[in-house]
Amino acid sequence: MEVQKKKCSLKKHSDTEAVIYCQKCISYFCNKCQNFHSEIFDNHKTINLNNPNEIFIDTCKEKSHINKLEFYCKVHNTLCCIACFVKTKEEGYGQHADCDVCHIKYIKDEKKNKLKENINNLKELYNQIEKSINDLKIIYEEVNKSKEDLKLRVQIIFTKIRNTLNEKEDKLLLDIDEEYDNKYFKEDLIRQSEKLPNKIKKSIDKGEIIEKEWDENNLCSLINDCIIIENNIKDINKINDNIKKSNLNKDTKIEYNIEEEQINDLINTIKNFGKIITNDNLYDDYKIEQKNPIH
């Protein structure tokens, strides 16, 4: 839905773009009018039109519509005006003509009950995700340690055969890094997941405020806030699903086992040695045992 750029409601500034909207005055104000309005009506609630997270105006955001948002589309879970669902589908009209639309007063109880349910779900989700994040960190530390131990083992081996195996060593280290990235996860998943608790807590706080201050006279704004919380839950669950998928590989191990005698035997054929193989395959007299392959 395209947001229309609003102009100042004052006649002499009607060509100037508005920067705030006053819900009490039901008017838009430009930069010049903003300070004057704030000084006189310091108790009026205004909305910063330059902040997309703050903007909510109870008039339709479609360019050609000037009606209030008095209806709710059940199909798209969004607020709309009467022009949005007229039967005549002209340019800019009838976007929800084929949808299930009702007046917002008929869904207020549903949204209010859904808000209570979402608050409870968010609280439960907060606890679950906190545990998932802690588990994820532990797994990452173990995986990273395993990775570093494996790399160290490779380096010790290649110290003894450095003259003929220098290029092969670099290749193996690269293979290990690539395999861990493919089999496990990258560090950015932890950074992303660490933001979830704060996002959930904000949604819970916002939901409890809405529930406590539920006001039938400000119904449109309250329902819009409920919709925002519902969308937050979708985003949170999506990231949480990625965390769970990453945890599935927590028991996967990659190993690089080699005996000293095998090293001595392999020095004579070092130029052809260096691939990490899997499934108990033998390369000359050298055997690598591991649960998952490195390609």
C-alpha atoms as a PDB file:
ATOM      1  CA  MET A   1       0.000   0.000   0.000  1.00  0.00           C
ATOM      2  CA  GLU A   2       1.574   3.272  -1.099  1.00  0.00           C
ATOM      3  CA  VAL A   3       1.650   6.019   1.522  1.00  0.00           C
ATOM      4  CA  GLN A   4       0.573   9.410   0.264  1.00  0.00           C
ATOM      5  CA  LYS A   5       2.764  12.400   1.059  1.00  0.00           C
ATOM      6  CA  LYS A   6       0.640  14.766   3.156  1.00  0.00           C
ATOM      7  CA  LYS A   7       0.653  18.554   2.992  1.00  0.00           C
ATOM      8  CA  CYS A   8       0.251  21.047   5.826  1.00  0.00           C
ATOM      9  CA  SER A   9      -3.399  21.650   6.786  1.00  0.00           C
ATOM     10  CA  LEU A  10      -2.799  25.392   7.211  1.00  0.00           C
ATOM     11  CA  LYS A  11      -3.938  27.208   4.043  1.00  0.00           C
ATOM     12  CA  LYS A  12      -0.913  29.441   3.644  1.00  0.00           C
ATOM     13  CA  HIS A  13       1.413  26.415   3.982  1.00  0.00           C
ATOM     14  CA  SER A  14      -0.724  24.058   1.878  1.00  0.00           C
ATOM     15  CA  ASP A  15       2.153  23.490  -0.555  1.00  0.00           C
ATOM     16  CA  THR A  16       4.565  22.492   2.227  1.00  0.00           C
ATOM     17  CA  GLU A  17       5.031  18.850   3.137  1.00  0.00           C
ATOM     18  CA  ALA A  18       3.750  17.932   6.592  1.00  0.00           C
ATOM     19  CA  VAL A  19       6.117  16.487   9.197  1.00  0.00           C
ATOM     20  CA  ILE A  20       3.649  15.688  12.009  1.00  0.00           C
ATOM     21  CA  TYR A  21       0.013  14.671  12.371  1.00  0.00           C
ATOM     22  CA  CYS A  22      -2.070  15.625  15.428  1.00  0.00           C
ATOM     23  CA  GLN A  23      -4.712  13.049  16.304  1.00  0.00           C
ATOM     24  CA  LYS A  24      -6.524  15.543  18.540  1.00  0.00           C
ATOM     25  CA  CYS A  25      -6.697  18.304  15.921  1.00  0.00           C
ATOM     26  CA  ILE A  26      -7.067  15.782  13.057  1.00  0.00           C
ATOM     27  CA  SER A  27      -4.614  17.970  11.129  1.00  0.00           C
ATOM     28  CA  TYR A  28      -1.194  17.881   9.492  1.00  0.00           C
ATOM     29  CA  PHE A  29       1.519  20.413  10.314  1.00  0.00           C
ATOM     30  CA  CYS A  30       4.729  21.402   8.507  1.00  0.00           C
ATOM     31  CA  ASN A  31       8.031  22.386  10.122  1.00  0.00           C
ATOM     32  CA  LYS A  32       6.917  25.979  10.557  1.00  0.00           C
ATOM     33  CA  CYS A  33       3.663  25.051  12.282  1.00  0.00           C
ATOM     34  CA  GLN A  34       5.078  22.223  14.377  1.00  0.00           C
ATOM     35  CA  ASN A  35       6.705  24.360  17.090  1.00  0.00           C
ATOM     36  CA  PHE A  36       3.730  26.714  17.320  1.00  0.00           C
ATOM     37  CA  HIS A  37       1.328  23.783  17.736  1.00  0.00           C
ATOM     38  CA  SER A  38       3.531  22.116  20.368  1.00  0.00           C
ATOM     39  CA  GLU A  39       3.760  25.283  22.468  1.00  0.00           C
ATOM     40  CA  ILE A  40       0.005  25.867  22.507  1.00  0.00           C
ATOM     41  CA  PHE A  41      -1.183  22.253  22.686  1.00  0.00           C
ATOM     42  CA  ASP A  42       1.554  20.526  24.632  1.00  0.00           C
ATOM     43  CA  ASN A  43      -0.830  17.735  25.690  1.00  0.00           C
ATOM     44  CA  HIS A  44      -1.819  16.747  22.142  1.00  0.00           C
ATOM     45  CA  LYS A  45      -0.513  13.456  20.808  1.00  0.00           C
ATOM     46  CA  THR A  46       1.351  13.935  17.526  1.00  0.00           C
ATOM     47  CA  ILE A  47       2.833  11.445  15.100  1.00  0.00           C
ATOM     48  CA  ASN A  48       6.187  11.931  13.389  1.00  0.00           C
ATOM     49  CA  LEU A  49       5.524  11.349   9.671  1.00  0.00           C
ATOM     50  CA  ASN A  50       9.248  10.837   8.983  1.00  0.00           C
ATOM     51  CA  ASN A  51       9.414   7.811  11.262  1.00  0.00           C
ATOM     52  CA  PRO A  52       7.865   4.801   9.453  1.00  0.00           C
ATOM     53  CA  ASN A  53       7.688   2.835  12.739  1.00  0.00           C
ATOM     54  CA  GLU A  54       5.671   5.573  14.413  1.00  0.00           C
ATOM     55  CA  ILE A  55       3.241   6.454  11.634  1.00  0.00           C
ATOM     56  CA  PHE A  56      -0.352   5.464  12.198  1.00  0.00           C
ATOM     57  CA  ILE A  57      -3.125   7.706  10.955  1.00  0.00           C
ATOM     58  CA  ASP A  58      -6.751   6.619  11.013  1.00  0.00           C
ATOM     59  CA  THR A  59      -7.284   7.769   7.433  1.00  0.00           C
ATOM     60  CA  CYS A  60      -6.650   5.413   4.517  1.00  0.00           C
ATOM     61  CA  LYS A  61      -3.138   5.432   3.097  1.00  0.00           C
ATOM     62  CA  GLU A  62      -4.215   4.798  -0.495  1.00  0.00           C
ATOM     63  CA  LYS A  63      -3.445   7.851  -2.644  1.00  0.00           C
ATOM     64  CA  SER A  64      -6.986   8.462  -3.883  1.00  0.00           C
ATOM     65  CA  HIS A  65      -8.800   7.669  -0.607  1.00  0.00           C
ATOM     66  CA  ILE A  66      -9.710  10.261   2.002  1.00  0.00           C
ATOM     67  CA  ASN A  67     -11.872   8.042   4.221  1.00  0.00           C
ATOM     68  CA  LYS A  68     -11.227   6.865   7.767  1.00  0.00           C
ATOM     69  CA  LEU A  69      -9.988   3.348   8.407  1.00  0.00           C
ATOM     70  CA  GLU A  70     -13.242   1.971   9.789  1.00  0.00           C
ATOM     71  CA  PHE A  71     -13.149  -1.533   8.321  1.00  0.00           C
ATOM     72  CA  TYR A  72     -11.065  -4.672   8.678  1.00  0.00           C
ATOM     73  CA  CYS A  73     -10.129  -7.159   5.928  1.00  0.00           C
ATOM     74  CA  LYS A  74     -10.075 -10.686   7.363  1.00  0.00           C
ATOM     75  CA  VAL A  75      -8.307 -12.067   4.292  1.00  0.00           C
ATOM     76  CA  HIS A  76      -5.288  -9.735   4.478  1.00  0.00           C
ATOM     77  CA  ASN A  77      -5.430  -8.928   8.224  1.00  0.00           C
ATOM     78  CA  THR A  78      -5.344  -5.202   7.576  1.00  0.00           C
ATOM     79  CA  LEU A  79      -7.406  -2.058   8.157  1.00  0.00           C
ATOM     80  CA  CYS A  80      -9.130  -0.426   5.189  1.00  0.00           C
ATOM     81  CA  CYS A  81     -11.703   2.221   4.306  1.00  0.00           C
ATOM     82  CA  ILE A  82     -15.017   1.978   2.473  1.00  0.00           C
ATOM     83  CA  ALA A  83     -13.376   2.849  -0.853  1.00  0.00           C
ATOM     84  CA  CYS A  84     -11.098  -0.177  -0.513  1.00  0.00           C
ATOM     85  CA  PHE A  85     -13.916  -2.687  -0.975  1.00  0.00           C
ATOM     86  CA  VAL A  86     -16.361  -0.979  -3.325  1.00  0.00           C
ATOM     87  CA  LYS A  87     -17.613  -3.299  -6.052  1.00  0.00           C
ATOM     88  CA  THR A  88     -16.504  -0.988  -8.864  1.00  0.00           C
ATOM     89  CA  LYS A  89     -12.825  -1.738  -9.376  1.00  0.00           C
ATOM     90  CA  GLU A  90     -11.497   1.463 -10.837  1.00  0.00           C
ATOM     91  CA  GLU A  91      -7.916   2.634 -10.520  1.00  0.00           C
ATOM     92  CA  GLY A  92      -7.124   2.931  -6.835  1.00  0.00           C
ATOM     93  CA  TYR A  93     -10.468   1.480  -5.706  1.00  0.00           C
ATOM     94  CA  GLY A  94     -11.858  -1.923  -4.804  1.00  0.00           C
ATOM     95  CA  GLN A  95      -8.602  -3.494  -3.610  1.00  0.00           C
ATOM     96  CA  HIS A  96     -10.546  -5.624  -1.125  1.00  0.00           C
ATOM     97  CA  ALA A  97     -13.773  -5.996  -3.120  1.00  0.00           C
ATOM     98  CA  ASP A  98     -13.547  -9.798  -3.129  1.00  0.00           C
ATOM     99  CA  CYS A  99     -12.432 -10.106   0.499  1.00  0.00           C
ATOM    100  CA  ASP A 100     -14.262 -10.791   3.736  1.00  0.00           C
ATOM    101  CA  VAL A 101     -14.562  -7.274   5.207  1.00  0.00           C
ATOM    102  CA  CYS A 102     -16.330  -6.104   8.370  1.00  0.00           C
ATOM    103  CA  HIS A 103     -16.526  -2.988  10.521  1.00  0.00           C
ATOM    104  CA  ILE A 104     -13.767  -2.773  13.129  1.00  0.00           C
ATOM    105  CA  LYS A 105     -16.285  -2.785  15.979  1.00  0.00           C
ATOM    106  CA  TYR A 106     -17.166  -6.383  15.099  1.00  0.00           C
ATOM    107  CA  ILE A 107     -13.629  -7.647  15.463  1.00  0.00           C
ATOM    108  CA  LYS A 108     -12.583  -5.627  18.514  1.00  0.00           C
ATOM    109  CA  ASP A 109     -13.325  -8.476  20.932  1.00  0.00           C
ATOM    110  CA  GLU A 110     -11.561 -10.976  18.677  1.00  0.00           C
ATOM    111  CA  LYS A 111      -8.454  -8.790  18.472  1.00  0.00           C
ATOM    112  CA  LYS A 112      -8.519  -8.080  22.192  1.00  0.00           C
ATOM    113  CA  ASN A 113      -8.745 -11.807  22.990  1.00  0.00           C
ATOM    114  CA  LYS A 114      -6.050 -12.520  20.405  1.00  0.00           C
ATOM    115  CA  LEU A 115      -3.872  -9.934  22.118  1.00  0.00           C
ATOM    116  CA  LYS A 116      -4.155 -11.813  25.433  1.00  0.00           C
ATOM    117  CA  GLU A 117      -3.299 -15.055  23.678  1.00  0.00           C
ATOM    118  CA  ASN A 118      -0.333 -13.446  21.927  1.00  0.00           C
ATOM    119  CA  ILE A 119       0.984 -11.990  25.181  1.00  0.00           C
ATOM    120  CA  ASN A 120       0.937 -15.446  26.762  1.00  0.00           C
ATOM    121  CA  ASN A 121       2.513 -16.978  23.654  1.00  0.00           C
ATOM    122  CA  LEU A 122       5.224 -14.330  23.635  1.00  0.00           C
ATOM    123  CA  LYS A 123       6.054 -14.969  27.288  1.00  0.00           C
ATOM    124  CA  GLU A 124       6.340 -18.688  26.610  1.00  0.00           C
ATOM    125  CA  LEU A 125       8.319 -18.038  23.446  1.00  0.00           C
ATOM    126  CA  TYR A 126      10.676 -15.748  25.349  1.00  0.00           C
ATOM    127  CA  ASN A 127      11.587 -18.534  27.774  1.00  0.00           C
ATOM    128  CA  GLN A 128      11.953 -21.090  24.971  1.00  0.00           C
ATOM    129  CA  ILE A 129      14.172 -18.857  22.876  1.00  0.00           C
ATOM    130  CA  GLU A 130      16.364 -17.911  25.835  1.00  0.00           C
ATOM    131  CA  LYS A 131      17.039 -21.610  26.377  1.00  0.00           C
ATOM    132  CA  SER A 132      17.559 -22.193  22.643  1.00  0.00           C
ATOM    133  CA  ILE A 133      20.085 -19.353  22.483  1.00  0.00           C
ATOM    134  CA  ASN A 134      22.018 -20.685  25.470  1.00  0.00           C
ATOM    135  CA  ASP A 135      22.034 -24.170  23.938  1.00  0.00           C
ATOM    136  CA  LEU A 136      23.130 -22.706  20.627  1.00  0.00           C
ATOM    137  CA  LYS A 137      26.059 -20.907  22.250  1.00  0.00           C
ATOM    138  CA  ILE A 138      27.181 -24.077  24.000  1.00  0.00           C
ATOM    139  CA  ILE A 139      26.966 -26.044  20.762  1.00  0.00           C
ATOM    140  CA  TYR A 140      28.883 -23.341  18.906  1.00  0.00           C
ATOM    141  CA  GLU A 141      31.668 -23.401  21.505  1.00  0.00           C
ATOM    142  CA  GLU A 142      31.917 -27.184  21.271  1.00  0.00           C
ATOM    143  CA  VAL A 143      31.841 -27.139  17.492  1.00  0.00           C
ATOM    144  CA  ASN A 144      34.393 -24.360  17.318  1.00  0.00           C
ATOM    145  CA  LYS A 145      36.676 -26.217  19.731  1.00  0.00           C
ATOM    146  CA  SER A 146      36.328 -29.382  17.657  1.00  0.00           C
ATOM    147  CA  LYS A 147      37.150 -27.395  14.557  1.00  0.00           C
ATOM    148  CA  GLU A 148      40.237 -25.820  16.112  1.00  0.00           C
ATOM    149  CA  ASP A 149      41.401 -29.167  17.512  1.00  0.00           C
ATOM    150  CA  LEU A 150      41.072 -30.730  14.087  1.00  0.00           C
ATOM    151  CA  LYS A 151      43.015 -27.899  12.458  1.00  0.00           C
ATOM    152  CA  LEU A 152      45.729 -28.163  15.117  1.00  0.00           C
ATOM    153  CA  ARG A 153      46.024 -31.888  14.511  1.00  0.00           C
ATOM    154  CA  VAL A 154      46.441 -31.281  10.802  1.00  0.00           C
ATOM    155  CA  GLN A 155      49.106 -28.642  11.458  1.00  0.00           C
ATOM    156  CA  ILE A 156      51.091 -30.973  13.762  1.00  0.00           C
ATOM    157  CA  ILE A 157      51.058 -33.671  11.105  1.00  0.00           C
ATOM    158  CA  PHE A 158      52.162 -31.361   8.355  1.00  0.00           C
ATOM    159  CA  THR A 159      54.979 -29.909  10.425  1.00  0.00           C
ATOM    160  CA  LYS A 160      56.742 -33.255  10.009  1.00  0.00           C
ATOM    161  CA  ILE A 161      56.256 -33.365   6.282  1.00  0.00           C
ATOM    162  CA  ARG A 162      56.358 -29.631   5.536  1.00  0.00           C
ATOM    163  CA  ASN A 163      58.843 -29.671   2.648  1.00  0.00           C
ATOM    164  CA  THR A 164      56.627 -31.804   0.417  1.00  0.00           C
ATOM    165  CA  LEU A 165      53.201 -31.130   1.884  1.00  0.00           C
ATOM    166  CA  ASN A 166      52.933 -27.356   2.268  1.00  0.00           C
ATOM    167  CA  GLU A 167      50.408 -26.861  -0.513  1.00  0.00           C
ATOM    168  CA  LYS A 168      48.402 -29.882   0.596  1.00  0.00           C
ATOM    169  CA  GLU A 169      48.171 -28.542   4.151  1.00  0.00           C
ATOM    170  CA  ASP A 170      46.621 -25.283   2.988  1.00  0.00           C
ATOM    171  CA  LYS A 171      44.087 -27.240   0.963  1.00  0.00           C
ATOM    172  CA  LEU A 172      43.101 -29.380   3.945  1.00  0.00           C
ATOM    173  CA  LEU A 173      42.636 -26.377   6.226  1.00  0.00           C
ATOM    174  CA  LEU A 174      40.419 -24.779   3.620  1.00  0.00           C
ATOM    175  CA  ASP A 175      38.379 -27.989   3.298  1.00  0.00           C
ATOM    176  CA  ILE A 176      37.861 -28.113   7.048  1.00  0.00           C
ATOM    177  CA  ASP A 177      36.633 -24.543   7.211  1.00  0.00           C
ATOM    178  CA  GLU A 178      34.256 -25.112   4.319  1.00  0.00           C
ATOM    179  CA  GLU A 179      32.900 -28.317   5.818  1.00  0.00           C
ATOM    180  CA  TYR A 180      32.160 -26.730   9.187  1.00  0.00           C
ATOM    181  CA  ASP A 181      30.386 -23.857   7.464  1.00  0.00           C
ATOM    182  CA  ASN A 182      28.252 -26.319   5.497  1.00  0.00           C
ATOM    183  CA  LYS A 183      27.528 -28.827   8.266  1.00  0.00           C
ATOM    184  CA  TYR A 184      26.963 -26.459  11.131  1.00  0.00           C
ATOM    185  CA  PHE A 185      26.227 -22.736  11.009  1.00  0.00           C
ATOM    186  CA  LYS A 186      27.917 -19.384  10.756  1.00  0.00           C
ATOM    187  CA  GLU A 187      28.509 -17.043  13.656  1.00  0.00           C
ATOM    188  CA  ASP A 188      25.975 -14.471  12.395  1.00  0.00           C
ATOM    189  CA  LEU A 189      23.105 -16.759  13.472  1.00  0.00           C
ATOM    190  CA  ILE A 190      24.057 -16.174  17.112  1.00  0.00           C
ATOM    191  CA  ARG A 191      24.268 -12.414  16.607  1.00  0.00           C
ATOM    192  CA  GLN A 192      20.840 -12.486  14.955  1.00  0.00           C
ATOM    193  CA  SER A 193      19.288 -14.674  17.633  1.00  0.00           C
ATOM    194  CA  GLU A 194      20.602 -12.535  20.513  1.00  0.00           C
ATOM    195  CA  LYS A 195      18.256  -9.746  19.404  1.00  0.00           C
ATOM    196  CA  LEU A 196      15.173 -11.935  19.835  1.00  0.00           C
ATOM    197  CA  PRO A 197      14.681 -11.698  23.637  1.00  0.00           C
ATOM    198  CA  ASN A 198      14.666  -7.912  23.524  1.00  0.00           C
ATOM    199  CA  LYS A 199      12.235  -7.935  20.580  1.00  0.00           C
ATOM    200  CA  ILE A 200       9.929 -10.339  22.400  1.00  0.00           C
ATOM    201  CA  LYS A 201      10.076  -8.329  25.639  1.00  0.00           C
ATOM    202  CA  LYS A 202       9.195  -5.133  23.769  1.00  0.00           C
ATOM    203  CA  SER A 203       6.233  -6.868  22.128  1.00  0.00           C
ATOM    204  CA  ILE A 204       5.070  -8.196  25.516  1.00  0.00           C
ATOM    205  CA  ASP A 205       5.392  -4.744  27.132  1.00  0.00           C
ATOM    206  CA  LYS A 206       3.569  -3.144  24.210  1.00  0.00           C
ATOM    207  CA  GLY A 207       0.828  -5.774  24.345  1.00  0.00           C
ATOM    208  CA  GLU A 208       0.302  -5.366  28.092  1.00  0.00           C
ATOM    209  CA  ILE A 209       0.062  -1.595  27.702  1.00  0.00           C
ATOM    210  CA  ILE A 210      -2.514  -1.985  24.925  1.00  0.00           C
ATOM    211  CA  GLU A 211      -4.498  -4.451  27.006  1.00  0.00           C
ATOM    212  CA  LYS A 212      -4.393  -2.216  30.077  1.00  0.00           C
ATOM    213  CA  GLU A 213      -5.245   0.997  28.225  1.00  0.00           C
ATOM    214  CA  TRP A 214      -7.771  -0.501  25.797  1.00  0.00           C
ATOM    215  CA  ASP A 215     -10.005   2.403  24.777  1.00  0.00           C
ATOM    216  CA  GLU A 216     -12.969   2.020  22.438  1.00  0.00           C
ATOM    217  CA  ASN A 217     -12.462   5.630  21.260  1.00  0.00           C
ATOM    218  CA  ASN A 218      -9.001   4.777  19.967  1.00  0.00           C
ATOM    219  CA  LEU A 219      -9.976   1.374  18.550  1.00  0.00           C
ATOM    220  CA  CYS A 220      -8.368   1.786  15.127  1.00  0.00           C
ATOM    221  CA  SER A 221      -4.938   2.547  16.562  1.00  0.00           C
ATOM    222  CA  LEU A 222      -5.188  -0.287  19.095  1.00  0.00           C
ATOM    223  CA  ILE A 223      -6.063  -2.859  16.435  1.00  0.00           C
ATOM    224  CA  ASN A 224      -3.172  -1.671  14.284  1.00  0.00           C
ATOM    225  CA  ASP A 225      -0.828  -2.202  17.257  1.00  0.00           C
ATOM    226  CA  CYS A 226      -2.271  -5.709  17.667  1.00  0.00           C
ATOM    227  CA  ILE A 227      -1.475  -6.422  13.996  1.00  0.00           C
ATOM    228  CA  ILE A 228       2.117  -5.217  14.506  1.00  0.00           C
ATOM    229  CA  ILE A 229       2.533  -7.651  17.421  1.00  0.00           C
ATOM    230  CA  GLU A 230       1.155 -10.488  15.267  1.00  0.00           C
ATOM    231  CA  ASN A 231       3.688  -9.694  12.524  1.00  0.00           C
ATOM    232  CA  ASN A 232       6.499  -9.569  15.123  1.00  0.00           C
ATOM    233  CA  ILE A 233       5.587 -13.085  16.210  1.00  0.00           C
ATOM    234  CA  LYS A 234       5.907 -14.321  12.613  1.00  0.00           C
ATOM    235  CA  ASP A 235       9.422 -12.821  12.339  1.00  0.00           C
ATOM    236  CA  ILE A 236      10.456 -14.241  15.727  1.00  0.00           C
ATOM    237  CA  ASN A 237       9.231 -17.728  14.859  1.00  0.00           C
ATOM    238  CA  LYS A 238      11.089 -17.650  11.553  1.00  0.00           C
ATOM    239  CA  ILE A 239      14.431 -16.955  13.276  1.00  0.00           C
ATOM    240  CA  ASN A 240      13.617 -19.478  15.998  1.00  0.00           C
ATOM    241  CA  ASP A 241      13.040 -22.140  13.318  1.00  0.00           C
ATOM    242  CA  ASN A 242      16.523 -21.424  11.928  1.00  0.00           C
ATOM    243  CA  ILE A 243      17.973 -21.902  15.413  1.00  0.00           C
ATOM    244  CA  LYS A 244      16.222 -25.253  15.784  1.00  0.00           C
ATOM    245  CA  LYS A 245      17.490 -26.386  12.369  1.00  0.00           C
ATOM    246  CA  SER A 246      21.039 -25.482  13.371  1.00  0.00           C
ATOM    247  CA  ASN A 247      20.687 -27.487  16.566  1.00  0.00           C
ATOM    248  CA  LEU A 248      19.901 -30.634  14.571  1.00  0.00           C
ATOM    249  CA  ASN A 249      23.597 -31.012  13.658  1.00  0.00           C
ATOM    250  CA  LYS A 250      24.856 -30.639  17.239  1.00  0.00           C
ATOM    251  CA  ASP A 251      25.868 -34.318  17.473  1.00  0.00           C
ATOM    252  CA  THR A 252      27.610 -34.353  14.088  1.00  0.00           C
ATOM    253  CA  LYS A 253      31.364 -34.836  14.382  1.00  0.00           C
ATOM    254  CA  ILE A 254      34.148 -34.477  11.861  1.00  0.00           C
ATOM    255  CA  GLU A 255      37.417 -36.178  12.611  1.00  0.00           C
ATOM    256  CA  TYR A 256      40.890 -36.507  11.196  1.00  0.00           C
ATOM    257  CA  ASN A 257      42.608 -39.530  12.787  1.00  0.00           C
ATOM    258  CA  ILE A 258      46.084 -40.683  11.871  1.00  0.00           C
ATOM    259  CA  GLU A 259      48.747 -42.756  13.626  1.00  0.00           C
ATOM    260  CA  GLU A 260      52.442 -41.882  13.803  1.00  0.00           C
ATOM    261  CA  GLU A 261      53.422 -45.041  11.933  1.00  0.00           C
ATOM    262  CA  GLN A 262      51.057 -44.128   9.153  1.00  0.00           C
ATOM    263  CA  ILE A 263      52.669 -40.710   8.907  1.00  0.00           C
ATOM    264  CA  ASN A 264      56.106 -42.281   8.436  1.00  0.00           C
ATOM    265  CA  ASP A 265      54.750 -44.609   5.788  1.00  0.00           C
ATOM    266  CA  LEU A 266      53.072 -41.789   3.935  1.00  0.00           C
ATOM    267  CA  ILE A 267      56.132 -39.542   3.736  1.00  0.00           C
ATOM    268  CA  ASN A 268      57.380 -41.544   0.755  1.00  0.00           C
ATOM    269  CA  THR A 269      54.150 -40.923  -1.152  1.00  0.00           C
ATOM    270  CA  ILE A 270      53.482 -37.424   0.188  1.00  0.00           C
ATOM    271  CA  LYS A 271      53.078 -35.801  -3.203  1.00  0.00           C
ATOM    272  CA  ASN A 272      49.927 -37.827  -3.774  1.00  0.00           C
ATOM    273  CA  PHE A 273      48.653 -37.531  -0.223  1.00  0.00           C
ATOM    274  CA  GLY A 274      46.384 -34.968   1.383  1.00  0.00           C
ATOM    275  CA  LYS A 275      42.739 -35.561   0.543  1.00  0.00           C
ATOM    276  CA  ILE A 276      40.310 -35.881   3.409  1.00  0.00           C
ATOM    277  CA  ILE A 277      38.237 -38.968   2.646  1.00  0.00           C
ATOM    278  CA  THR A 278      35.267 -40.523   4.354  1.00  0.00           C
ATOM    279  CA  ASN A 279      33.262 -43.713   4.918  1.00  0.00           C
ATOM    280  CA  ASP A 280      36.314 -45.707   6.055  1.00  0.00           C
ATOM    281  CA  ASN A 281      37.920 -45.454   2.634  1.00  0.00           C
ATOM    282  CA  LEU A 282      41.637 -46.136   2.530  1.00  0.00           C
ATOM    283  CA  TYR A 283      44.171 -43.993   0.811  1.00  0.00           C
ATOM    284  CA  ASP A 284      47.322 -46.085   0.629  1.00  0.00           C
ATOM    285  CA  ASP A 285      47.765 -47.241   4.259  1.00  0.00           C
ATOM    286  CA  TYR A 286      46.123 -44.131   5.651  1.00  0.00           C
ATOM    287  CA  LYS A 287      42.627 -44.476   7.155  1.00  0.00           C
ATOM    288  CA  ILE A 288      40.352 -41.617   8.178  1.00  0.00           C
ATOM    289  CA  GLU A 289      37.347 -42.437  10.360  1.00  0.00           C
ATOM    290  CA  GLN A 290      34.588 -39.868  10.606  1.00  0.00           C
ATOM    291  CA  LYS A 291      30.815 -39.771  10.787  1.00  0.00           C
ATOM    292  CA  ASN A 292      30.389 -37.144   8.079  1.00  0.00           C
ATOM    293  CA  PRO A 293      32.495 -36.570   4.966  1.00  0.00           C
ATOM    294  CA  ILE A 294      34.712 -33.659   4.061  1.00  0.00           C
ATOM    295  CA  HIS A 295      34.706 -33.047   0.318  1.00  0.00           C
END
